[in-house]
Amino acid sequence: MAQVSSHPTTTTTAPTLGFGAHLADPGPLGLAGFALTTFVLSSFNSGLAPKAAEGVVLGVALFYGGIAQLFAGMWEFAKGNTFGALAFSSYGAFWMSFWYLVAHTDLSKAGPDAAKGVGVFLLAWTIFTLYMTVVASRLSGVLFILFAILLVTFAFLTVGQLGSSPNMTKIGGYLGLVTALVAWYASFAGVLNGTAKRVVLPTWPR
């Protein structure tokens, strides 16, 4: 049996980590989900992919752009990142609402007003993206570029729907492809820099 010392022992308490500090960075997941889903949809909006096959985006919108990105937002809440939590949760909800709009909403009786209804939907997201762009400008260069291009993308898609202009929607599709590439870069930088424990790809933090 081990002998118990009669002398008082001095214990040291290790510093406690903040709530959520043990979690991996959810940012690259949220950005990757947003990038891939935006890329797929924008391929159809731009005309680079056949419009008849546009339904393939629905599964990606629900599961990767939607649910996976929503989870990333919840994990950002746990890590105390208000911007990331709001951005990923909101755009995850955007993709899930897009899935529901296309797959389960019957607008056939609306006639030409259906496009205007979708335009109002896109306008609301344009407004949200506008103030998120303002906040992103205070965080990092890559986030500001991402949100600025996304803002213009939403603006063109909104005008395309409200004005029934396929050309504006097509331009919005090409801008969406650029948005996806920037989001993929930000995701790649996050996972690569986090894995290497040093800056390999710059994000130009403010």
C-alpha atoms as a PDB file:
ATOM      1  CA  MET A   1       0.000   0.000   0.000  1.00  0.00           C
ATOM      2  CA  ALA A   2       1.330   3.395  -0.866  1.00  0.00           C
ATOM      3  CA  GLN A   3       2.291   5.613   2.039  1.00  0.00           C
ATOM      4  CA  VAL A   4       0.221   8.760   2.483  1.00  0.00           C
ATOM      5  CA  SER A   5       2.287  11.806   3.351  1.00  0.00           C
ATOM      6  CA  SER A   6       1.284  13.730   6.447  1.00  0.00           C
ATOM      7  CA  HIS A   7       2.521  16.978   4.925  1.00  0.00           C
ATOM      8  CA  PRO A   8      -0.027  19.231   3.269  1.00  0.00           C
ATOM      9  CA  THR A   9       0.189  19.194  -0.489  1.00  0.00           C
ATOM     10  CA  THR A  10       0.116  22.210  -2.731  1.00  0.00           C
ATOM     11  CA  THR A  11      -2.021  21.821  -5.789  1.00  0.00           C
ATOM     12  CA  THR A  12      -1.820  23.957  -8.891  1.00  0.00           C
ATOM     13  CA  THR A  13      -4.876  24.557 -10.975  1.00  0.00           C
ATOM     14  CA  ALA A  14      -4.391  24.596 -14.729  1.00  0.00           C
ATOM     15  CA  PRO A  15      -5.969  27.533 -16.508  1.00  0.00           C
ATOM     16  CA  THR A  16      -9.395  26.648 -17.813  1.00  0.00           C
ATOM     17  CA  LEU A  17     -10.184  27.090 -21.464  1.00  0.00           C
ATOM     18  CA  GLY A  18     -13.172  29.131 -22.502  1.00  0.00           C
ATOM     19  CA  PHE A  19     -16.361  27.392 -23.566  1.00  0.00           C
ATOM     20  CA  GLY A  20     -15.942  26.023 -27.077  1.00  0.00           C
ATOM     21  CA  ALA A  21     -12.165  26.531 -27.127  1.00  0.00           C
ATOM     22  CA  HIS A  22     -11.667  22.794 -27.631  1.00  0.00           C
ATOM     23  CA  LEU A  23     -13.702  22.809 -30.837  1.00  0.00           C
ATOM     24  CA  ALA A  24     -12.004  22.737 -34.230  1.00  0.00           C
ATOM     25  CA  ASP A  25     -12.488  25.787 -36.431  1.00  0.00           C
ATOM     26  CA  PRO A  26     -15.867  25.383 -38.173  1.00  0.00           C
ATOM     27  CA  GLY A  27     -15.106  28.211 -40.614  1.00  0.00           C
ATOM     28  CA  PRO A  28     -13.598  26.095 -43.419  1.00  0.00           C
ATOM     29  CA  LEU A  29     -16.628  23.773 -43.356  1.00  0.00           C
ATOM     30  CA  GLY A  30     -19.106  26.630 -43.572  1.00  0.00           C
ATOM     31  CA  LEU A  31     -17.174  28.317 -46.360  1.00  0.00           C
ATOM     32  CA  ALA A  32     -16.783  25.064 -48.303  1.00  0.00           C
ATOM     33  CA  GLY A  33     -20.494  24.297 -48.070  1.00  0.00           C
ATOM     34  CA  PHE A  34     -21.361  27.788 -49.238  1.00  0.00           C
ATOM     35  CA  ALA A  35     -18.773  27.713 -52.039  1.00  0.00           C
ATOM     36  CA  LEU A  36     -19.740  24.360 -53.535  1.00  0.00           C
ATOM     37  CA  THR A  37     -23.482  25.029 -53.477  1.00  0.00           C
ATOM     38  CA  THR A  38     -23.018  28.505 -54.953  1.00  0.00           C
ATOM     39  CA  PHE A  39     -20.793  27.059 -57.670  1.00  0.00           C
ATOM     40  CA  VAL A  40     -23.349  24.424 -58.680  1.00  0.00           C
ATOM     41  CA  LEU A  41     -26.310  26.838 -58.796  1.00  0.00           C
ATOM     42  CA  SER A  42     -24.286  29.551 -60.538  1.00  0.00           C
ATOM     43  CA  SER A  43     -23.235  27.088 -63.227  1.00  0.00           C
ATOM     44  CA  PHE A  44     -26.900  26.883 -64.219  1.00  0.00           C
ATOM     45  CA  ASN A  45     -27.669  30.604 -63.739  1.00  0.00           C
ATOM     46  CA  SER A  46     -24.758  31.529 -65.987  1.00  0.00           C
ATOM     47  CA  GLY A  47     -25.823  29.098 -68.693  1.00  0.00           C
ATOM     48  CA  LEU A  48     -22.645  27.023 -68.469  1.00  0.00           C
ATOM     49  CA  ALA A  49     -24.709  24.011 -67.400  1.00  0.00           C
ATOM     50  CA  PRO A  50     -28.008  22.960 -69.045  1.00  0.00           C
ATOM     51  CA  LYS A  51     -31.044  24.501 -67.329  1.00  0.00           C
ATOM     52  CA  ALA A  52     -32.989  21.251 -67.657  1.00  0.00           C
ATOM     53  CA  ALA A  53     -30.645  19.578 -65.153  1.00  0.00           C
ATOM     54  CA  GLU A  54     -30.860  22.383 -62.557  1.00  0.00           C
ATOM     55  CA  GLY A  55     -32.620  20.052 -60.104  1.00  0.00           C
ATOM     56  CA  VAL A  56     -29.276  18.487 -59.196  1.00  0.00           C
ATOM     57  CA  VAL A  57     -28.570  21.522 -57.005  1.00  0.00           C
ATOM     58  CA  LEU A  58     -31.432  20.724 -54.622  1.00  0.00           C
ATOM     59  CA  GLY A  59     -29.705  17.920 -52.708  1.00  0.00           C
ATOM     60  CA  VAL A  60     -26.527  19.958 -52.367  1.00  0.00           C
ATOM     61  CA  ALA A  61     -28.532  23.004 -51.259  1.00  0.00           C
ATOM     62  CA  LEU A  62     -30.308  21.059 -48.514  1.00  0.00           C
ATOM     63  CA  PHE A  63     -27.462  18.959 -47.127  1.00  0.00           C
ATOM     64  CA  TYR A  64     -24.175  20.781 -47.756  1.00  0.00           C
ATOM     65  CA  GLY A  65     -25.057  24.421 -48.270  1.00  0.00           C
ATOM     66  CA  GLY A  66     -27.938  24.114 -45.814  1.00  0.00           C
ATOM     67  CA  ILE A  67     -27.572  21.619 -42.970  1.00  0.00           C
ATOM     68  CA  ALA A  68     -23.746  21.412 -42.893  1.00  0.00           C
ATOM     69  CA  GLN A  69     -23.428  25.193 -42.989  1.00  0.00           C
ATOM     70  CA  LEU A  70     -26.069  25.562 -40.273  1.00  0.00           C
ATOM     71  CA  PHE A  71     -24.061  23.209 -38.065  1.00  0.00           C
ATOM     72  CA  ALA A  72     -20.973  25.336 -38.736  1.00  0.00           C
ATOM     73  CA  GLY A  73     -22.926  28.353 -37.539  1.00  0.00           C
ATOM     74  CA  MET A  74     -23.955  26.591 -34.333  1.00  0.00           C
ATOM     75  CA  TRP A  75     -20.329  25.654 -33.638  1.00  0.00           C
ATOM     76  CA  GLU A  76     -19.319  29.271 -34.230  1.00  0.00           C
ATOM     77  CA  PHE A  77     -21.817  30.235 -31.499  1.00  0.00           C
ATOM     78  CA  ALA A  78     -20.043  27.794 -29.178  1.00  0.00           C
ATOM     79  CA  LYS A  79     -16.688  29.365 -30.033  1.00  0.00           C
ATOM     80  CA  GLY A  80     -17.998  32.878 -29.381  1.00  0.00           C
ATOM     81  CA  ASN A  81     -17.657  34.093 -32.975  1.00  0.00           C
ATOM     82  CA  THR A  82     -20.732  36.259 -33.517  1.00  0.00           C
ATOM     83  CA  PHE A  83     -20.001  37.080 -37.164  1.00  0.00           C
ATOM     84  CA  GLY A  84     -19.319  33.488 -38.163  1.00  0.00           C
ATOM     85  CA  ALA A  85     -22.351  32.252 -36.232  1.00  0.00           C
ATOM     86  CA  LEU A  86     -24.671  34.751 -37.906  1.00  0.00           C
ATOM     87  CA  ALA A  87     -23.201  34.300 -41.387  1.00  0.00           C
ATOM     88  CA  PHE A  88     -23.128  30.499 -41.511  1.00  0.00           C
ATOM     89  CA  SER A  89     -26.472  30.022 -39.749  1.00  0.00           C
ATOM     90  CA  SER A  90     -28.174  32.571 -41.996  1.00  0.00           C
ATOM     91  CA  TYR A  91     -26.764  31.400 -45.311  1.00  0.00           C
ATOM     92  CA  GLY A  92     -27.366  27.795 -44.265  1.00  0.00           C
ATOM     93  CA  ALA A  93     -30.999  28.792 -43.740  1.00  0.00           C
ATOM     94  CA  PHE A  94     -30.911  30.553 -47.122  1.00  0.00           C
ATOM     95  CA  TRP A  95     -29.964  27.355 -48.906  1.00  0.00           C
ATOM     96  CA  MET A  96     -32.575  25.318 -47.040  1.00  0.00           C
ATOM     97  CA  SER A  97     -35.247  27.903 -47.834  1.00  0.00           C
ATOM     98  CA  PHE A  98     -34.087  27.877 -51.477  1.00  0.00           C
ATOM     99  CA  TRP A  99     -34.482  24.092 -51.512  1.00  0.00           C
ATOM    100  CA  TYR A 100     -37.990  24.385 -50.075  1.00  0.00           C
ATOM    101  CA  LEU A 101     -38.919  27.195 -52.467  1.00  0.00           C
ATOM    102  CA  VAL A 102     -37.923  25.202 -55.542  1.00  0.00           C
ATOM    103  CA  ALA A 103     -38.963  21.727 -54.410  1.00  0.00           C
ATOM    104  CA  HIS A 104     -42.136  22.359 -52.408  1.00  0.00           C
ATOM    105  CA  THR A 105     -43.614  25.763 -53.283  1.00  0.00           C
ATOM    106  CA  ASP A 106     -46.215  25.894 -56.041  1.00  0.00           C
ATOM    107  CA  LEU A 107     -46.067  29.270 -57.763  1.00  0.00           C
ATOM    108  CA  SER A 108     -47.848  28.123 -60.916  1.00  0.00           C
ATOM    109  CA  LYS A 109     -50.951  30.174 -60.098  1.00  0.00           C
ATOM    110  CA  ALA A 110     -48.912  33.351 -59.644  1.00  0.00           C
ATOM    111  CA  GLY A 111     -48.156  33.625 -63.355  1.00  0.00           C
ATOM    112  CA  PRO A 112     -45.709  36.463 -64.134  1.00  0.00           C
ATOM    113  CA  ASP A 113     -45.829  37.555 -60.488  1.00  0.00           C
ATOM    114  CA  ALA A 114     -43.916  34.417 -59.486  1.00  0.00           C
ATOM    115  CA  ALA A 115     -40.649  35.981 -60.658  1.00  0.00           C
ATOM    116  CA  LYS A 116     -41.396  39.116 -58.645  1.00  0.00           C
ATOM    117  CA  GLY A 117     -42.017  36.991 -55.550  1.00  0.00           C
ATOM    118  CA  VAL A 118     -38.622  35.329 -55.994  1.00  0.00           C
ATOM    119  CA  GLY A 119     -37.171  38.794 -56.572  1.00  0.00           C
ATOM    120  CA  VAL A 120     -38.441  39.988 -53.185  1.00  0.00           C
ATOM    121  CA  PHE A 121     -36.905  36.867 -51.616  1.00  0.00           C
ATOM    122  CA  LEU A 122     -33.549  37.725 -53.203  1.00  0.00           C
ATOM    123  CA  LEU A 123     -33.879  41.413 -52.322  1.00  0.00           C
ATOM    124  CA  ALA A 124     -34.191  40.551 -48.634  1.00  0.00           C
ATOM    125  CA  TRP A 125     -30.972  38.532 -48.822  1.00  0.00           C
ATOM    126  CA  THR A 126     -29.284  41.389 -50.679  1.00  0.00           C
ATOM    127  CA  ILE A 127     -30.094  43.732 -47.784  1.00  0.00           C
ATOM    128  CA  PHE A 128     -28.754  41.220 -45.259  1.00  0.00           C
ATOM    129  CA  THR A 129     -25.581  40.737 -47.292  1.00  0.00           C
ATOM    130  CA  LEU A 130     -25.100  44.522 -47.473  1.00  0.00           C
ATOM    131  CA  TYR A 131     -24.657  44.996 -43.739  1.00  0.00           C
ATOM    132  CA  MET A 132     -22.660  41.777 -43.432  1.00  0.00           C
ATOM    133  CA  THR A 133     -20.278  43.241 -46.033  1.00  0.00           C
ATOM    134  CA  VAL A 134     -19.809  46.323 -43.852  1.00  0.00           C
ATOM    135  CA  VAL A 135     -18.879  44.144 -40.869  1.00  0.00           C
ATOM    136  CA  ALA A 136     -16.669  41.862 -42.991  1.00  0.00           C
ATOM    137  CA  SER A 137     -14.593  44.892 -44.001  1.00  0.00           C
ATOM    138  CA  ARG A 138     -13.446  45.113 -40.366  1.00  0.00           C
ATOM    139  CA  LEU A 139     -12.384  41.451 -40.160  1.00  0.00           C
ATOM    140  CA  SER A 140     -10.210  40.454 -43.099  1.00  0.00           C
ATOM    141  CA  GLY A 141      -9.486  41.314 -46.695  1.00  0.00           C
ATOM    142  CA  VAL A 142     -10.598  37.954 -48.053  1.00  0.00           C
ATOM    143  CA  LEU A 143     -13.924  38.098 -46.199  1.00  0.00           C
ATOM    144  CA  PHE A 144     -14.568  41.616 -47.448  1.00  0.00           C
ATOM    145  CA  ILE A 145     -13.878  40.558 -51.046  1.00  0.00           C
ATOM    146  CA  LEU A 146     -16.126  37.527 -50.625  1.00  0.00           C
ATOM    147  CA  PHE A 147     -19.064  39.474 -49.220  1.00  0.00           C
ATOM    148  CA  ALA A 148     -18.638  42.377 -51.643  1.00  0.00           C
ATOM    149  CA  ILE A 149     -18.835  40.036 -54.658  1.00  0.00           C
ATOM    150  CA  LEU A 150     -21.718  38.144 -53.050  1.00  0.00           C
ATOM    151  CA  LEU A 151     -23.547  41.439 -52.560  1.00  0.00           C
ATOM    152  CA  VAL A 152     -23.220  42.316 -56.253  1.00  0.00           C
ATOM    153  CA  THR A 153     -24.246  38.760 -57.169  1.00  0.00           C
ATOM    154  CA  PHE A 154     -27.448  39.025 -55.141  1.00  0.00           C
ATOM    155  CA  ALA A 155     -28.121  42.473 -56.621  1.00  0.00           C
ATOM    156  CA  PHE A 156     -27.934  41.197 -60.202  1.00  0.00           C
ATOM    157  CA  LEU A 157     -30.044  38.129 -59.412  1.00  0.00           C
ATOM    158  CA  THR A 158     -32.628  40.368 -57.716  1.00  0.00           C
ATOM    159  CA  VAL A 159     -32.854  42.738 -60.672  1.00  0.00           C
ATOM    160  CA  GLY A 160     -33.004  39.746 -63.002  1.00  0.00           C
ATOM    161  CA  GLN A 161     -36.074  38.406 -61.214  1.00  0.00           C
ATOM    162  CA  LEU A 162     -37.860  41.697 -60.542  1.00  0.00           C
ATOM    163  CA  GLY A 163     -37.237  42.931 -64.076  1.00  0.00           C
ATOM    164  CA  SER A 164     -37.708  39.528 -65.735  1.00  0.00           C
ATOM    165  CA  SER A 165     -34.283  39.938 -67.323  1.00  0.00           C
ATOM    166  CA  PRO A 166     -32.509  36.663 -68.153  1.00  0.00           C
ATOM    167  CA  ASN A 167     -29.347  38.594 -69.055  1.00  0.00           C
ATOM    168  CA  MET A 168     -29.098  40.103 -65.561  1.00  0.00           C
ATOM    169  CA  THR A 169     -29.605  36.653 -64.047  1.00  0.00           C
ATOM    170  CA  LYS A 170     -26.890  35.299 -66.334  1.00  0.00           C
ATOM    171  CA  ILE A 171     -24.462  38.003 -65.166  1.00  0.00           C
ATOM    172  CA  GLY A 172     -25.411  37.146 -61.593  1.00  0.00           C
ATOM    173  CA  GLY A 173     -24.564  33.535 -62.390  1.00  0.00           C
ATOM    174  CA  TYR A 174     -21.057  34.442 -63.532  1.00  0.00           C
ATOM    175  CA  LEU A 175     -20.574  36.616 -60.453  1.00  0.00           C
ATOM    176  CA  GLY A 176     -21.747  33.678 -58.352  1.00  0.00           C
ATOM    177  CA  LEU A 177     -18.972  31.549 -59.843  1.00  0.00           C
ATOM    178  CA  VAL A 178     -16.433  34.172 -58.769  1.00  0.00           C
ATOM    179  CA  THR A 179     -18.049  34.253 -55.312  1.00  0.00           C
ATOM    180  CA  ALA A 180     -17.674  30.482 -55.048  1.00  0.00           C
ATOM    181  CA  LEU A 181     -13.995  30.601 -55.998  1.00  0.00           C
ATOM    182  CA  VAL A 182     -13.262  33.265 -53.369  1.00  0.00           C
ATOM    183  CA  ALA A 183     -15.171  31.257 -50.728  1.00  0.00           C
ATOM    184  CA  TRP A 184     -13.211  28.140 -51.663  1.00  0.00           C
ATOM    185  CA  TYR A 185      -9.979  30.099 -51.299  1.00  0.00           C
ATOM    186  CA  ALA A 186     -11.018  31.290 -47.836  1.00  0.00           C
ATOM    187  CA  SER A 187     -11.947  27.726 -46.862  1.00  0.00           C
ATOM    188  CA  PHE A 188      -8.666  26.359 -48.213  1.00  0.00           C
ATOM    189  CA  ALA A 189      -6.689  29.031 -46.377  1.00  0.00           C
ATOM    190  CA  GLY A 190      -8.498  28.253 -43.136  1.00  0.00           C
ATOM    191  CA  VAL A 191      -7.900  24.513 -43.201  1.00  0.00           C
ATOM    192  CA  LEU A 192      -4.351  24.764 -44.603  1.00  0.00           C
ATOM    193  CA  ASN A 193      -3.186  27.460 -42.186  1.00  0.00           C
ATOM    194  CA  GLY A 194      -4.870  25.673 -39.285  1.00  0.00           C
ATOM    195  CA  THR A 195      -3.210  22.377 -40.163  1.00  0.00           C
ATOM    196  CA  ALA A 196       0.224  23.904 -40.758  1.00  0.00           C
ATOM    197  CA  LYS A 197      -0.070  26.098 -37.631  1.00  0.00           C
ATOM    198  CA  ARG A 198       1.269  29.016 -39.659  1.00  0.00           C
ATOM    199  CA  VAL A 199       0.146  31.345 -42.423  1.00  0.00           C
ATOM    200  CA  VAL A 200       0.586  29.593 -45.760  1.00  0.00           C
ATOM    201  CA  LEU A 201      -2.231  31.329 -47.640  1.00  0.00           C
ATOM    202  CA  PRO A 202      -2.835  34.958 -46.619  1.00  0.00           C
ATOM    203  CA  THR A 203      -6.291  36.210 -45.628  1.00  0.00           C
ATOM    204  CA  TRP A 204      -5.161  39.795 -44.889  1.00  0.00           C
ATOM    205  CA  PRO A 205      -6.644  40.186 -41.391  1.00  0.00           C
ATOM    206  CA  ARG A 206      -7.494  43.707 -40.242  1.00  0.00           C
END
